[in-house]
Amino acid sequence: MKVTAIIDDKTIEEAMKYSRASTITEALKVALKEYITLQKLKELGKMVKKDPMKFRYSADEIRNVNREQ
């Protein structure tokens, strides 16, 4: 998809620096992928906080099972 966007030079320079990209397009792709990943992790964190995992066994019980094998 072709997109035209007005982004200040400093932001582009920083994006290229931190992404180590050689082109603006590459830097924007990296930045967008990182942003999307971060948002997905935030959503996952909210889900886990809302409904935390419950463990049936203690750490000692799991160690004992592992030692038996």
Protein backbone atom coordinates (compact mmCIF):
# COMPACT_ATOMS: atom_id res chain seq x y z
CA MET A 1 0.00 0.00 0.00
CA LYS A 2 1.30 3.40 -0.87
CA VAL A 3 0.85 6.11 1.77
CA THR A 4 1.74 9.76 1.95
CA ALA A 5 2.43 11.07 5.45
CA ILE A 6 3.85 14.27 6.83
CA ILE A 7 6.32 13.37 9.59
CA ASP A 8 8.90 15.76 10.98
CA ASP A 9 12.54 15.11 10.07
CA LYS A 10 13.70 14.57 13.65
CA THR A 11 11.19 11.75 14.18
CA ILE A 12 12.26 10.06 10.95
CA GLU A 13 15.94 10.44 11.85
CA GLU A 14 15.36 8.89 15.27
CA ALA A 15 13.31 6.05 13.79
CA MET A 16 16.08 5.29 11.31
CA LYS A 17 18.73 5.49 14.03
CA TYR A 18 17.00 3.15 16.48
CA SER A 19 15.75 0.72 13.83
CA ARG A 20 19.15 0.74 12.10
CA ALA A 21 17.22 1.02 8.85
CA SER A 22 18.82 2.24 5.67
CA THR A 23 15.58 3.63 4.22
CA ILE A 24 12.63 5.56 5.58
CA THR A 25 10.26 2.81 4.44
CA GLU A 26 12.22 0.18 6.32
CA ALA A 27 12.33 2.35 9.44
CA LEU A 28 8.58 2.92 9.35
CA LYS A 29 7.91 -0.81 8.87
CA VAL A 30 10.07 -1.63 11.90
CA ALA A 31 8.44 1.09 13.99
CA LEU A 32 4.91 0.01 13.10
CA LYS A 33 5.65 -3.67 13.76
CA GLU A 34 7.19 -2.81 17.13
CA TYR A 35 4.20 -0.63 18.02
CA ILE A 36 1.72 -3.35 17.08
CA THR A 37 3.67 -5.94 19.08
CA LEU A 38 3.70 -3.65 22.11
CA GLN A 39 -0.05 -3.09 21.89
CA LYS A 40 -0.69 -6.85 21.64
CA LEU A 41 1.47 -7.44 24.72
CA LYS A 42 -0.50 -4.80 26.60
CA GLU A 43 -3.76 -6.52 25.64
CA LEU A 44 -2.38 -9.87 26.75
CA GLY A 45 -1.29 -8.34 30.07
CA LYS A 46 -4.80 -7.03 30.64
CA MET A 47 -6.28 -10.45 29.85
CA VAL A 48 -3.93 -12.20 32.27
CA LYS A 49 -4.63 -9.61 34.96
CA LYS A 50 -8.37 -10.05 34.48
CA ASP A 51 -8.22 -13.86 34.52
CA PRO A 52 -4.86 -14.97 35.99
CA MET A 53 -3.51 -18.44 35.41
CA LYS A 54 -4.01 -20.86 38.26
CA PHE A 55 -1.41 -23.51 39.01
CA ARG A 56 -2.48 -26.89 40.35
CA TYR A 57 0.92 -27.87 41.67
CA SER A 58 3.51 -26.15 43.81
CA ALA A 59 7.10 -25.72 42.66
CA ASP A 60 8.19 -28.51 45.04
CA GLU A 61 5.61 -30.91 43.62
CA ILE A 62 6.74 -30.21 40.07
CA ARG A 63 10.41 -30.68 41.04
CA ASN A 64 9.57 -34.05 42.58
CA VAL A 65 7.75 -35.16 39.43
CA ASN A 66 10.70 -34.09 37.29
CA ARG A 67 13.17 -35.95 39.50
CA GLU A 68 11.14 -39.16 39.24
CA GLN A 69 11.44 -39.21 35.46
